[in-house]
């Protein structure tokens, strides 16, 4: 498929919701930010985030299942890199909206679905 128009709207909404679910975890957002700067090993990412390596590995595996990152084994280390840098731009846009909301004196913490 070469364009968004070729994907049925309902399917596109489902896929977009799945991608947004990925973005709903703070650690995954942090990993995405770190990987934007270049590929890193699981141990490097664990050290940089302060999270246990098994936790980081689990989130990276989820990101890889979604196709967001790719991995390459070198010796006894696995290195990850981001496949779609545009996701970081999407994060920056969302953060910009959040700053505007907070400047208006609103709090998302009080909002429920």
PDB file of N, CA and C in Angstrom:
ATOM      1  N   UNK A   1       0.847  -1.182   0.000  1.00  0.00           N
ATOM      2  CA  UNK A   1       0.000   0.000   0.000  1.00  0.00           C
ATOM      3  C   UNK A   1       0.888   1.238   0.000  1.00  0.00           C
ATOM      4  N   UNK A   2       0.542   2.157  -0.844  1.00  0.00           N
ATOM      5  CA  UNK A   2       1.409   3.322  -0.982  1.00  0.00           C
ATOM      6  C   UNK A   2       0.831   4.591  -0.379  1.00  0.00           C
ATOM      7  N   UNK A   3      -0.464   4.609  -0.045  1.00  0.00           N
ATOM      8  CA  UNK A   3      -1.021   5.827   0.528  1.00  0.00           C
ATOM      9  C   UNK A   3      -2.101   5.506   1.548  1.00  0.00           C
ATOM     10  N   UNK A   4      -2.342   6.480   2.425  1.00  0.00           N
ATOM     11  CA  UNK A   4      -3.339   6.332   3.473  1.00  0.00           C
ATOM     12  C   UNK A   4      -4.722   6.089   2.878  1.00  0.00           C
ATOM     13  N   UNK A   5      -4.989   6.684   1.726  1.00  0.00           N
ATOM     14  CA  UNK A   5      -6.304   6.558   1.107  1.00  0.00           C
ATOM     15  C   UNK A   5      -6.643   5.110   0.752  1.00  0.00           C
ATOM     16  N   UNK A   6      -5.640   4.265   0.593  1.00  0.00           N
ATOM     17  CA  UNK A   6      -5.881   2.875   0.217  1.00  0.00           C
ATOM     18  C   UNK A   6      -6.282   2.004   1.405  1.00  0.00           C
ATOM     19  N   UNK A   7      -6.139   2.517   2.622  1.00  0.00           N
ATOM     20  CA  UNK A   7      -6.491   1.754   3.815  1.00  0.00           C
ATOM     21  C   UNK A   7      -7.888   2.180   4.261  1.00  0.00           C
ATOM     22  N   UNK A   8      -8.801   1.211   4.469  1.00  0.00           N
ATOM     23  CA  UNK A   8     -10.140   1.571   4.958  1.00  0.00           C
ATOM     24  C   UNK A   8     -10.041   2.358   6.269  1.00  0.00           C
ATOM     25  N   UNK A   9     -10.883   3.378   6.400  1.00  0.00           N
ATOM     26  CA  UNK A   9     -10.825   4.290   7.548  1.00  0.00           C
ATOM     27  C   UNK A   9     -10.874   3.553   8.887  1.00  0.00           C
ATOM     28  N   UNK A  10     -11.805   2.611   9.031  1.00  0.00           N
ATOM     29  CA  UNK A  10     -11.935   1.906  10.310  1.00  0.00           C
ATOM     30  C   UNK A  10     -10.672   1.131  10.649  1.00  0.00           C
ATOM     31  N   UNK A  11     -10.058   0.515   9.647  1.00  0.00           N
ATOM     32  CA  UNK A  11      -8.809  -0.214   9.872  1.00  0.00           C
ATOM     33  C   UNK A  11      -7.698   0.757  10.276  1.00  0.00           C
ATOM     34  N   UNK A  12      -7.669   1.894   9.623  1.00  0.00           N
ATOM     35  CA  UNK A  12      -6.666   2.907   9.947  1.00  0.00           C
ATOM     36  C   UNK A  12      -6.835   3.401  11.385  1.00  0.00           C
ATOM     37  N   UNK A  13      -8.085   3.612  11.817  1.00  0.00           N
ATOM     38  CA  UNK A  13      -8.340   4.038  13.193  1.00  0.00           C
ATOM     39  C   UNK A  13      -7.861   2.982  14.190  1.00  0.00           C
ATOM     40  N   UNK A  14      -8.121   1.713  13.879  1.00  0.00           N
ATOM     41  CA  UNK A  14      -7.672   0.622  14.756  1.00  0.00           C
ATOM     42  C   UNK A  14      -6.152   0.606  14.868  1.00  0.00           C
ATOM     43  N   UNK A  15      -5.481   0.740  13.734  1.00  0.00           N
ATOM     44  CA  UNK A  15      -4.016   0.741  13.728  1.00  0.00           C
ATOM     45  C   UNK A  15      -3.461   1.956  14.470  1.00  0.00           C
ATOM     46  N   UNK A  16      -4.109   3.100  14.279  1.00  0.00           N
ATOM     47  CA  UNK A  16      -3.668   4.313  14.965  1.00  0.00           C
ATOM     48  C   UNK A  16      -3.848   4.166  16.473  1.00  0.00           C
ATOM     49  N   UNK A  17      -4.947   3.568  16.897  1.00  0.00           N
ATOM     50  CA  UNK A  17      -5.176   3.347  18.328  1.00  0.00           C
ATOM     51  C   UNK A  17      -4.114   2.416  18.903  1.00  0.00           C
ATOM     52  N   UNK A  18      -3.724   1.401  18.143  1.00  0.00           N
ATOM     53  CA  UNK A  18      -2.684   0.476  18.596  1.00  0.00           C
ATOM     54  C   UNK A  18      -1.348   1.215  18.755  1.00  0.00           C
ATOM     55  N   UNK A  19      -1.052   2.081  17.815  1.00  0.00           N
ATOM     56  CA  UNK A  19       0.188   2.858  17.900  1.00  0.00           C
ATOM     57  C   UNK A  19       0.142   3.818  19.094  1.00  0.00           C
ATOM     58  N   UNK A  20      -1.015   4.431  19.310  1.00  0.00           N
ATOM     59  CA  UNK A  20      -1.149   5.337  20.455  1.00  0.00           C
ATOM     60  C   UNK A  20      -1.036   4.576  21.776  1.00  0.00           C
ATOM     61  N   UNK A  21      -1.494   3.327  21.798  1.00  0.00           N
ATOM     62  CA  UNK A  21      -1.336   2.504  23.001  1.00  0.00           C
ATOM     63  C   UNK A  21       0.146   2.305  23.290  1.00  0.00           C
ATOM     64  N   UNK A  22       0.930   2.064  22.255  1.00  0.00           N
ATOM     65  CA  UNK A  22       2.383   1.956  22.429  1.00  0.00           C
ATOM     66  C   UNK A  22       2.922   3.218  23.087  1.00  0.00           C
ATOM     67  N   UNK A  23       2.411   4.356  22.680  1.00  0.00           N
ATOM     68  CA  UNK A  23       2.912   5.638  23.171  1.00  0.00           C
ATOM     69  C   UNK A  23       2.357   5.992  24.550  1.00  0.00           C
ATOM     70  N   UNK A  24       1.527   5.120  25.117  1.00  0.00           N
ATOM     71  CA  UNK A  24       0.901   5.441  26.399  1.00  0.00           C
ATOM     72  C   UNK A  24       1.758   5.048  27.603  1.00  0.00           C
ATOM     73  N   UNK A  25       2.954   4.524  27.376  1.00  0.00           N
ATOM     74  CA  UNK A  25       3.823   4.152  28.497  1.00  0.00           C
ATOM     75  C   UNK A  25       5.049   5.069  28.531  1.00  0.00           C
ATOM     76  N   UNK A  26       5.290   5.724  29.660  1.00  0.00           N
ATOM     77  CA  UNK A  26       6.411   6.668  29.744  1.00  0.00           C
ATOM     78  C   UNK A  26       7.772   6.053  29.410  1.00  0.00           C
ATOM     79  N   UNK A  27       8.004   4.806  29.801  1.00  0.00           N
ATOM     80  CA  UNK A  27       9.300   4.194  29.508  1.00  0.00           C
ATOM     81  C   UNK A  27       9.484   3.998  28.007  1.00  0.00           C
ATOM     82  N   UNK A  28       8.429   3.612  27.313  1.00  0.00           N
ATOM     83  CA  UNK A  28       8.552   3.432  25.860  1.00  0.00           C
ATOM     84  C   UNK A  28       8.830   4.768  25.176  1.00  0.00           C
ATOM     85  N   UNK A  29       8.235   5.837  25.669  1.00  0.00           N
ATOM     86  CA  UNK A  29       8.522   7.163  25.113  1.00  0.00           C
ATOM     87  C   UNK A  29       9.978   7.543  25.357  1.00  0.00           C
ATOM     88  N   UNK A  30      10.470   7.227  26.533  1.00  0.00           N
ATOM     89  CA  UNK A  30      11.876   7.515  26.853  1.00  0.00           C
ATOM     90  C   UNK A  30      12.806   6.699  25.963  1.00  0.00           C
ATOM     91  N   UNK A  31      12.489   5.412  25.763  1.00  0.00           N
ATOM     92  CA  UNK A  31      13.305   4.565  24.894  1.00  0.00           C
ATOM     93  C   UNK A  31      13.315   5.118  23.476  1.00  0.00           C
ATOM     94  N   UNK A  32      12.164   5.560  23.018  1.00  0.00           N
ATOM     95  CA  UNK A  32      12.070   6.141  21.682  1.00  0.00           C
ATOM     96  C   UNK A  32      12.971   7.370  21.570  1.00  0.00           C
ATOM     97  N   UNK A  33      12.951   8.207  22.595  1.00  0.00           N
ATOM     98  CA  UNK A  33      13.792   9.404  22.608  1.00  0.00           C
ATOM     99  C   UNK A  33      15.278   9.031  22.585  1.00  0.00           C
ATOM    100  N   UNK A  34      15.665   8.055  23.382  1.00  0.00           N
ATOM    101  CA  UNK A  34      17.067   7.633  23.423  1.00  0.00           C
ATOM    102  C   UNK A  34      17.510   7.015  22.104  1.00  0.00           C
ATOM    103  N   UNK A  35      16.629   6.262  21.480  1.00  0.00           N
ATOM    104  CA  UNK A  35      16.981   5.612  20.214  1.00  0.00           C
ATOM    105  C   UNK A  35      17.030   6.600  19.055  1.00  0.00           C
ATOM    106  N   UNK A  36      16.393   7.740  19.212  1.00  0.00           N
ATOM    107  CA  UNK A  36      16.456   8.766  18.172  1.00  0.00           C
ATOM    108  C   UNK A  36      17.900   9.243  17.986  1.00  0.00           C
ATOM    109  N   UNK A  37      18.670   9.163  19.041  1.00  0.00           N
ATOM    110  CA  UNK A  37      20.055   9.634  19.008  1.00  0.00           C
ATOM    111  C   UNK A  37      21.005   8.593  18.429  1.00  0.00           C
ATOM    112  N   UNK A  38      20.496   7.419  18.092  1.00  0.00           N
ATOM    113  CA  UNK A  38      21.322   6.367  17.512  1.00  0.00           C
ATOM    114  C   UNK A  38      21.054   5.031  18.177  1.00  0.00           C
ATOM    115  N   UNK A  39      21.544   3.988  17.539  1.00  0.00           N
ATOM    116  CA  UNK A  39      21.294   2.655  18.076  1.00  0.00           C
ATOM    117  C   UNK A  39      21.998   2.468  19.414  1.00  0.00           C
ATOM    118  N   UNK A  40      21.372   1.635  20.249  1.00  0.00           N
ATOM    119  CA  UNK A  40      21.913   1.371  21.581  1.00  0.00           C
ATOM    120  C   UNK A  40      21.626  -0.073  21.963  1.00  0.00           C
ATOM    121  N   UNK A  41      22.461  -0.595  22.841  1.00  0.00           N
ATOM    122  CA  UNK A  41      22.246  -1.954  23.342  1.00  0.00           C
ATOM    123  C   UNK A  41      21.224  -1.915  24.475  1.00  0.00           C
ATOM    124  N   UNK A  42      20.678  -3.075  24.783  1.00  0.00           N
ATOM    125  CA  UNK A  42      19.713  -3.175  25.873  1.00  0.00           C
ATOM    126  C   UNK A  42      20.357  -2.719  27.181  1.00  0.00           C
ATOM    127  N   UNK A  43      21.589  -3.133  27.414  1.00  0.00           N
ATOM    128  CA  UNK A  43      22.253  -2.747  28.668  1.00  0.00           C
ATOM    129  C   UNK A  43      22.474  -1.232  28.742  1.00  0.00           C
ATOM    130  N   UNK A  44      22.807  -0.607  27.627  1.00  0.00           N
ATOM    131  CA  UNK A  44      22.956   0.859  27.611  1.00  0.00           C
ATOM    132  C   UNK A  44      21.628   1.529  27.941  1.00  0.00           C
ATOM    133  N   UNK A  45      20.557   1.039  27.328  1.00  0.00           N
ATOM    134  CA  UNK A  45      19.239   1.628  27.557  1.00  0.00           C
ATOM    135  C   UNK A  45      18.798   1.433  29.003  1.00  0.00           C
ATOM    136  N   UNK A  46      19.095   0.271  29.564  1.00  0.00           N
ATOM    137  CA  UNK A  46      18.749   0.020  30.966  1.00  0.00           C
ATOM    138  C   UNK A  46      19.498   0.993  31.878  1.00  0.00           C
ATOM    139  N   UNK A  47      20.763   1.190  31.595  1.00  0.00           N
ATOM    140  CA  UNK A  47      21.567   2.112  32.409  1.00  0.00           C
ATOM    141  C   UNK A  47      21.057   3.545  32.283  1.00  0.00           C
ATOM    142  N   UNK A  48      20.744   3.962  31.072  1.00  0.00           N
ATOM    143  CA  UNK A  48      20.296   5.342  30.843  1.00  0.00           C
ATOM    144  C   UNK A  48      18.923   5.625  31.446  1.00  0.00           C
ATOM    145  N   UNK A  49      18.058   4.614  31.481  1.00  0.00           N
ATOM    146  CA  UNK A  49      16.713   4.811  32.026  1.00  0.00           C
ATOM    147  C   UNK A  49      16.630   4.509  33.513  1.00  0.00           C
ATOM    148  N   UNK A  50      17.622   3.766  34.029  1.00  0.00           N
ATOM    149  CA  UNK A  50      17.571   3.368  35.429  1.00  0.00           C
ATOM    150  C   UNK A  50      16.605   2.229  35.689  1.00  0.00           C
ATOM    151  N   UNK A  51      16.149   1.593  34.635  1.00  0.00           N
ATOM    152  CA  UNK A  51      15.217   0.471  34.754  1.00  0.00           C
ATOM    153  C   UNK A  51      15.983  -0.847  34.668  1.00  0.00           C
ATOM    154  N   UNK A  52      15.459  -1.903  35.294  1.00  0.00           N
ATOM    155  CA  UNK A  52      16.102  -3.213  35.178  1.00  0.00           C
ATOM    156  C   UNK A  52      16.118  -3.690  33.723  1.00  0.00           C
ATOM    157  N   UNK A  53      17.181  -4.376  33.360  1.00  0.00           N
ATOM    158  CA  UNK A  53      17.328  -4.830  31.980  1.00  0.00           C
ATOM    159  C   UNK A  53      16.151  -5.682  31.499  1.00  0.00           C
ATOM    160  N   UNK A  54      15.598  -6.598  32.326  1.00  0.00           N
ATOM    161  CA  UNK A  54      14.446  -7.381  31.847  1.00  0.00           C
ATOM    162  C   UNK A  54      13.228  -6.514  31.502  1.00  0.00           C
ATOM    163  N   UNK A  55      13.041  -5.439  32.250  1.00  0.00           N
ATOM    164  CA  UNK A  55      11.916  -4.523  31.979  1.00  0.00           C
ATOM    165  C   UNK A  55      12.137  -3.822  30.643  1.00  0.00           C
ATOM    166  N   UNK A  56      13.343  -3.332  30.435  1.00  0.00           N
ATOM    167  CA  UNK A  56      13.676  -2.657  29.178  1.00  0.00           C
ATOM    168  C   UNK A  56      13.539  -3.633  28.014  1.00  0.00           C
ATOM    169  N   UNK A  57      14.031  -4.843  28.187  1.00  0.00           N
ATOM    170  CA  UNK A  57      13.939  -5.862  27.130  1.00  0.00           C
ATOM    171  C   UNK A  57      12.494  -6.150  26.756  1.00  0.00           C
ATOM    172  N   UNK A  58      11.626  -6.224  27.771  1.00  0.00           N
ATOM    173  CA  UNK A  58      10.209  -6.510  27.511  1.00  0.00           C
ATOM    174  C   UNK A  58       9.575  -5.395  26.673  1.00  0.00           C
ATOM    175  N   UNK A  59       9.871  -4.157  27.018  1.00  0.00           N
ATOM    176  CA  UNK A  59       9.307  -3.039  26.261  1.00  0.00           C
ATOM    177  C   UNK A  59       9.881  -2.977  24.844  1.00  0.00           C
ATOM    178  N   UNK A  60      11.163  -3.254  24.708  1.00  0.00           N
ATOM    179  CA  UNK A  60      11.774  -3.271  23.378  1.00  0.00           C
ATOM    180  C   UNK A  60      11.185  -4.386  22.518  1.00  0.00           C
ATOM    181  N   UNK A  61      10.904  -5.530  23.126  1.00  0.00           N
ATOM    182  CA  UNK A  61      10.290  -6.638  22.382  1.00  0.00           C
ATOM    183  C   UNK A  61       8.913  -6.226  21.869  1.00  0.00           C
ATOM    184  N   UNK A  62       8.148  -5.536  22.707  1.00  0.00           N
ATOM    185  CA  UNK A  62       6.833  -5.045  22.293  1.00  0.00           C
ATOM    186  C   UNK A  62       6.976  -4.046  21.141  1.00  0.00           C
ATOM    187  N   UNK A  63       7.935  -3.149  21.258  1.00  0.00           N
ATOM    188  CA  UNK A  63       8.172  -2.160  20.208  1.00  0.00           C
ATOM    189  C   UNK A  63       8.603  -2.842  18.908  1.00  0.00           C
ATOM    190  N   UNK A  64       9.364  -3.918  19.032  1.00  0.00           N
ATOM    191  CA  UNK A  64       9.801  -4.641  17.839  1.00  0.00           C
ATOM    192  C   UNK A  64       8.633  -5.385  17.195  1.00  0.00           C
ATOM    193  N   UNK A  65       7.748  -5.951  18.000  1.00  0.00           N
ATOM    194  CA  UNK A  65       6.562  -6.625  17.458  1.00  0.00           C
ATOM    195  C   UNK A  65       5.707  -5.661  16.649  1.00  0.00           C
ATOM    196  N   UNK A  66       5.641  -4.426  17.094  1.00  0.00           N
ATOM    197  CA  UNK A  66       4.869  -3.411  16.374  1.00  0.00           C
ATOM    198  C   UNK A  66       5.605  -2.891  15.142  1.00  0.00           C
ATOM    199  N   UNK A  67       6.887  -3.218  15.034  1.00  0.00           N
ATOM    200  CA  UNK A  67       7.672  -2.752  13.894  1.00  0.00           C
ATOM    201  C   UNK A  67       8.263  -1.368  14.081  1.00  0.00           C
ATOM    202  N   UNK A  68       8.250  -0.876  15.306  1.00  0.00           N
ATOM    203  CA  UNK A  68       8.732   0.471  15.592  1.00  0.00           C
ATOM    204  C   UNK A  68      10.254   0.517  15.665  1.00  0.00           C
ATOM    205  N   UNK A  69      10.844  -0.564  16.171  1.00  0.00           N
ATOM    206  CA  UNK A  69      12.299  -0.669  16.245  1.00  0.00           C
ATOM    207  C   UNK A  69      12.749  -1.950  15.559  1.00  0.00           C
ATOM    208  N   UNK A  70      14.005  -1.973  15.192  1.00  0.00           N
ATOM    209  CA  UNK A  70      14.617  -3.198  14.675  1.00  0.00           C
ATOM    210  C   UNK A  70      15.815  -3.511  15.560  1.00  0.00           C
ATOM    211  N   UNK A  71      16.241  -4.765  15.515  1.00  0.00           N
ATOM    212  CA  UNK A  71      17.360  -5.162  16.366  1.00  0.00           C
ATOM    213  C   UNK A  71      18.393  -5.932  15.562  1.00  0.00           C
ATOM    214  N   UNK A  72      19.596  -5.927  16.099  1.00  0.00           N
ATOM    215  CA  UNK A  72      20.691  -6.669  15.480  1.00  0.00           C
ATOM    216  C   UNK A  72      21.568  -7.224  16.595  1.00  0.00           C
ATOM    217  N   UNK A  73      21.804  -8.523  16.549  1.00  0.00           N
ATOM    218  CA  UNK A  73      22.674  -9.151  17.543  1.00  0.00           C
ATOM    219  C   UNK A  73      24.118  -9.045  17.080  1.00  0.00           C
ATOM    220  N   UNK A  74      24.965  -8.595  18.004  1.00  0.00           N
ATOM    221  CA  UNK A  74      26.412  -8.548  17.765  1.00  0.00           C
ATOM    222  C   UNK A  74      27.090  -9.169  18.974  1.00  0.00           C
ATOM    223  N   UNK A  75      27.601 -10.363  18.781  1.00  0.00           N
ATOM    224  CA  UNK A  75      28.185 -11.082  19.907  1.00  0.00           C
ATOM    225  C   UNK A  75      27.107 -11.419  20.907  1.00  0.00           C
ATOM    226  N   UNK A  76      27.318 -11.035  22.156  1.00  0.00           N
ATOM    227  CA  UNK A  76      26.310 -11.328  23.178  1.00  0.00           C
ATOM    228  C   UNK A  76      25.408 -10.126  23.469  1.00  0.00           C
ATOM    229  N   UNK A  77      25.466  -9.109  22.648  1.00  0.00           N
ATOM    230  CA  UNK A  77      24.625  -7.916  22.836  1.00  0.00           C
ATOM    231  C   UNK A  77      23.624  -7.773  21.690  1.00  0.00           C
ATOM    232  N   UNK A  78      22.476  -7.213  22.037  1.00  0.00           N
ATOM    233  CA  UNK A  78      21.461  -6.899  21.035  1.00  0.00           C
ATOM    234  C   UNK A  78      21.333  -5.385  20.979  1.00  0.00           C
ATOM    235  N   UNK A  79      21.445  -4.848  19.775  1.00  0.00           N
ATOM    236  CA  UNK A  79      21.347  -3.406  19.557  1.00  0.00           C
ATOM    237  C   UNK A  79      20.021  -3.093  18.881  1.00  0.00           C
ATOM    238  N   UNK A  80      19.394  -2.015  19.327  1.00  0.00           N
ATOM    239  CA  UNK A  80      18.113  -1.592  18.774  1.00  0.00           C
ATOM    240  C   UNK A  80      18.263  -0.235  18.107  1.00  0.00           C
ATOM    241  N   UNK A  81      17.456  -0.039  17.081  1.00  0.00           N
ATOM    242  CA  UNK A  81      17.393   1.287  16.461  1.00  0.00           C
ATOM    243  C   UNK A  81      15.955   1.551  16.038  1.00  0.00           C
ATOM    244  N   UNK A  82      15.630   2.820  15.981  1.00  0.00           N
ATOM    245  CA  UNK A  82      14.278   3.235  15.615  1.00  0.00           C
ATOM    246  C   UNK A  82      14.111   3.113  14.098  1.00  0.00           C
ATOM    247  N   UNK A  83      12.958   2.612  13.681  1.00  0.00           N
ATOM    248  CA  UNK A  83      12.707   2.446  12.251  1.00  0.00           C
ATOM    249  C   UNK A  83      12.013   3.661  11.647  1.00  0.00           C
ATOM    250  N   UNK A  84      11.268   4.386  12.455  1.00  0.00           N
ATOM    251  CA  UNK A  84      10.490   5.518  11.949  1.00  0.00           C
ATOM    252  C   UNK A  84      10.752   6.756  12.808  1.00  0.00           C
ATOM    253  N   UNK A  85      11.778   7.529  12.471  1.00  0.00           N
ATOM    254  CA  UNK A  85      12.085   8.734  13.251  1.00  0.00           C
ATOM    255  C   UNK A  85      10.909   9.713  13.318  1.00  0.00           C
ATOM    256  N   UNK A  86       9.977   9.585  12.400  1.00  0.00           N
ATOM    257  CA  UNK A  86       8.800  10.476  12.405  1.00  0.00           C
ATOM    258  C   UNK A  86       8.006  10.340  13.704  1.00  0.00           C
ATOM    259  N   UNK A  87       8.115   9.202  14.367  1.00  0.00           N
ATOM    260  CA  UNK A  87       7.403   9.022  15.630  1.00  0.00           C
ATOM    261  C   UNK A  87       7.883  10.020  16.682  1.00  0.00           C
ATOM    262  N   UNK A  88       9.153  10.350  16.670  1.00  0.00           N
ATOM    263  CA  UNK A  88       9.661  11.335  17.621  1.00  0.00           C
ATOM    264  C   UNK A  88       9.079  12.710  17.314  1.00  0.00           C
ATOM    265  N   UNK A  89       8.902  13.022  16.039  1.00  0.00           N
ATOM    266  CA  UNK A  89       8.277  14.299  15.675  1.00  0.00           C
ATOM    267  C   UNK A  89       6.837  14.326  16.185  1.00  0.00           C
ATOM    268  N   UNK A  90       6.140  13.208  16.070  1.00  0.00           N
ATOM    269  CA  UNK A  90       4.775  13.120  16.597  1.00  0.00           C
ATOM    270  C   UNK A  90       4.780  13.355  18.106  1.00  0.00           C
ATOM    271  N   UNK A  91       5.756  12.797  18.799  1.00  0.00           N
ATOM    272  CA  UNK A  91       5.873  13.006  20.250  1.00  0.00           C
ATOM    273  C   UNK A  91       6.109  14.474  20.572  1.00  0.00           C
ATOM    274  N   UNK A  92       6.953  15.127  19.799  1.00  0.00           N
ATOM    275  CA  UNK A  92       7.229  16.553  20.029  1.00  0.00           C
ATOM    276  C   UNK A  92       5.958  17.391  19.815  1.00  0.00           C
ATOM    277  N   UNK A  93       5.174  17.042  18.820  1.00  0.00           N
ATOM    278  CA  UNK A  93       3.921  17.764  18.569  1.00  0.00           C
ATOM    279  C   UNK A  93       2.976  17.591  19.748  1.00  0.00           C
ATOM    280  N   UNK A  94       2.841  16.360  20.233  1.00  0.00           N
ATOM    281  CA  UNK A  94       1.968  16.088  21.376  1.00  0.00           C
ATOM    282  C   UNK A  94       2.463  16.839  22.608  1.00  0.00           C
ATOM    283  N   UNK A  95       3.771  16.846  22.827  1.00  0.00           N
ATOM    284  CA  UNK A  95       4.324  17.576  23.970  1.00  0.00           C
ATOM    285  C   UNK A  95       4.033  19.072  23.858  1.00  0.00           C
ATOM    286  N   UNK A  96       4.078  19.611  22.654  1.00  0.00           N
ATOM    287  CA  UNK A  96       3.737  21.015  22.444  1.00  0.00           C
ATOM    288  C   UNK A  96       2.294  21.311  22.817  1.00  0.00           C
ATOM    289  N   UNK A  97       1.402  20.410  22.461  1.00  0.00           N
ATOM    290  CA  UNK A  97      -0.011  20.564  22.827  1.00  0.00           C
ATOM    291  C   UNK A  97      -0.164  20.493  24.346  1.00  0.00           C
ATOM    292  N   UNK A  98       0.548  19.564  24.972  1.00  0.00           N
ATOM    293  CA  UNK A  98       0.477  19.437  26.430  1.00  0.00           C
ATOM    294  C   UNK A  98       0.950  20.707  27.126  1.00  0.00           C
ATOM    295  N   UNK A  99       2.006  21.311  26.631  1.00  0.00           N
ATOM    296  CA  UNK A  99       2.502  22.565  27.210  1.00  0.00           C
ATOM    297  C   UNK A  99       1.422  23.640  27.112  1.00  0.00           C
ATOM    298  N   UNK A 100       0.751  23.722  25.970  1.00  0.00           N
ATOM    299  CA  UNK A 100      -0.324  24.711  25.807  1.00  0.00           C
ATOM    300  C   UNK A 100      -1.450  24.456  26.800  1.00  0.00           C
ATOM    301  N   UNK A 101      -1.833  23.191  26.961  1.00  0.00           N
ATOM    302  CA  UNK A 101      -2.902  22.846  27.906  1.00  0.00           C
ATOM    303  C   UNK A 101      -2.503  23.254  29.323  1.00  0.00           C
ATOM    304  N   UNK A 102      -1.272  22.946  29.702  1.00  0.00           N
ATOM    305  CA  UNK A 102      -0.807  23.286  31.053  1.00  0.00           C
ATOM    306  C   UNK A 102      -0.718  24.793  31.253  1.00  0.00           C
ATOM    307  N   UNK A 103      -0.319  25.526  30.224  1.00  0.00           N
ATOM    308  CA  UNK A 103      -0.249  26.997  30.326  1.00  0.00           C
ATOM    309  C   UNK A 103      -1.633  27.609  30.512  1.00  0.00           C
ATOM    310  N   UNK A 104      -2.647  26.922  30.015  1.00  0.00           N
ATOM    311  CA  UNK A 104      -4.025  27.393  30.187  1.00  0.00           C
ATOM    312  C   UNK A 104      -4.553  27.074  31.581  1.00  0.00           C
ATOM    313  N   UNK A 105      -3.723  26.424  32.387  1.00  0.00           N
ATOM    314  CA  UNK A 105      -4.128  26.104  33.751  1.00  0.00           C
ATOM    315  C   UNK A 105      -4.954  24.844  33.864  1.00  0.00           C
ATOM    316  N   UNK A 106      -4.965  24.048  32.845  1.00  0.00           N
ATOM    317  CA  UNK A 106      -5.736  22.805  32.874  1.00  0.00           C
ATOM    318  C   UNK A 106      -4.835  21.648  33.287  1.00  0.00           C
ATOM    319  N   UNK A 107      -5.460  20.614  33.801  1.00  0.00           N
ATOM    320  CA  UNK A 107      -4.696  19.438  34.213  1.00  0.00           C
ATOM    321  C   UNK A 107      -5.316  18.191  33.608  1.00  0.00           C
ATOM    322  N   UNK A 108      -4.525  17.433  32.898  1.00  0.00           N
ATOM    323  CA  UNK A 108      -5.009  16.180  32.323  1.00  0.00           C
ATOM    324  C   UNK A 108      -5.154  15.101  33.384  1.00  0.00           C
ATOM    325  N   UNK A 109      -4.539  15.298  34.539  1.00  0.00           N
ATOM    326  CA  UNK A 109      -4.595  14.293  35.597  1.00  0.00           C
ATOM    327  C   UNK A 109      -6.019  14.097  36.113  1.00  0.00           C
ATOM    328  N   UNK A 110      -6.853  15.102  35.972  1.00  0.00           N
ATOM    329  CA  UNK A 110      -8.217  15.020  36.491  1.00  0.00           C
ATOM    330  C   UNK A 110      -9.219  14.522  35.461  1.00  0.00           C
ATOM    331  N   UNK A 111      -8.780  14.294  34.255  1.00  0.00           N
ATOM    332  CA  UNK A 111      -9.681  13.892  33.182  1.00  0.00           C
ATOM    333  C   UNK A 111      -9.800  12.378  33.155  1.00  0.00           C
ATOM    334  N   UNK A 112     -11.038  11.878  33.080  1.00  0.00           N
ATOM    335  CA  UNK A 112     -11.250  10.434  32.940  1.00  0.00           C
ATOM    336  C   UNK A 112     -11.986  10.181  31.636  1.00  0.00           C
ATOM    337  N   UNK A 113     -11.870   8.948  31.168  1.00  0.00           N
ATOM    338  CA  UNK A 113     -12.505   8.626  29.876  1.00  0.00           C
ATOM    339  C   UNK A 113     -13.977   8.482  30.027  1.00  0.00           C
TER     340      UNK A 113
END
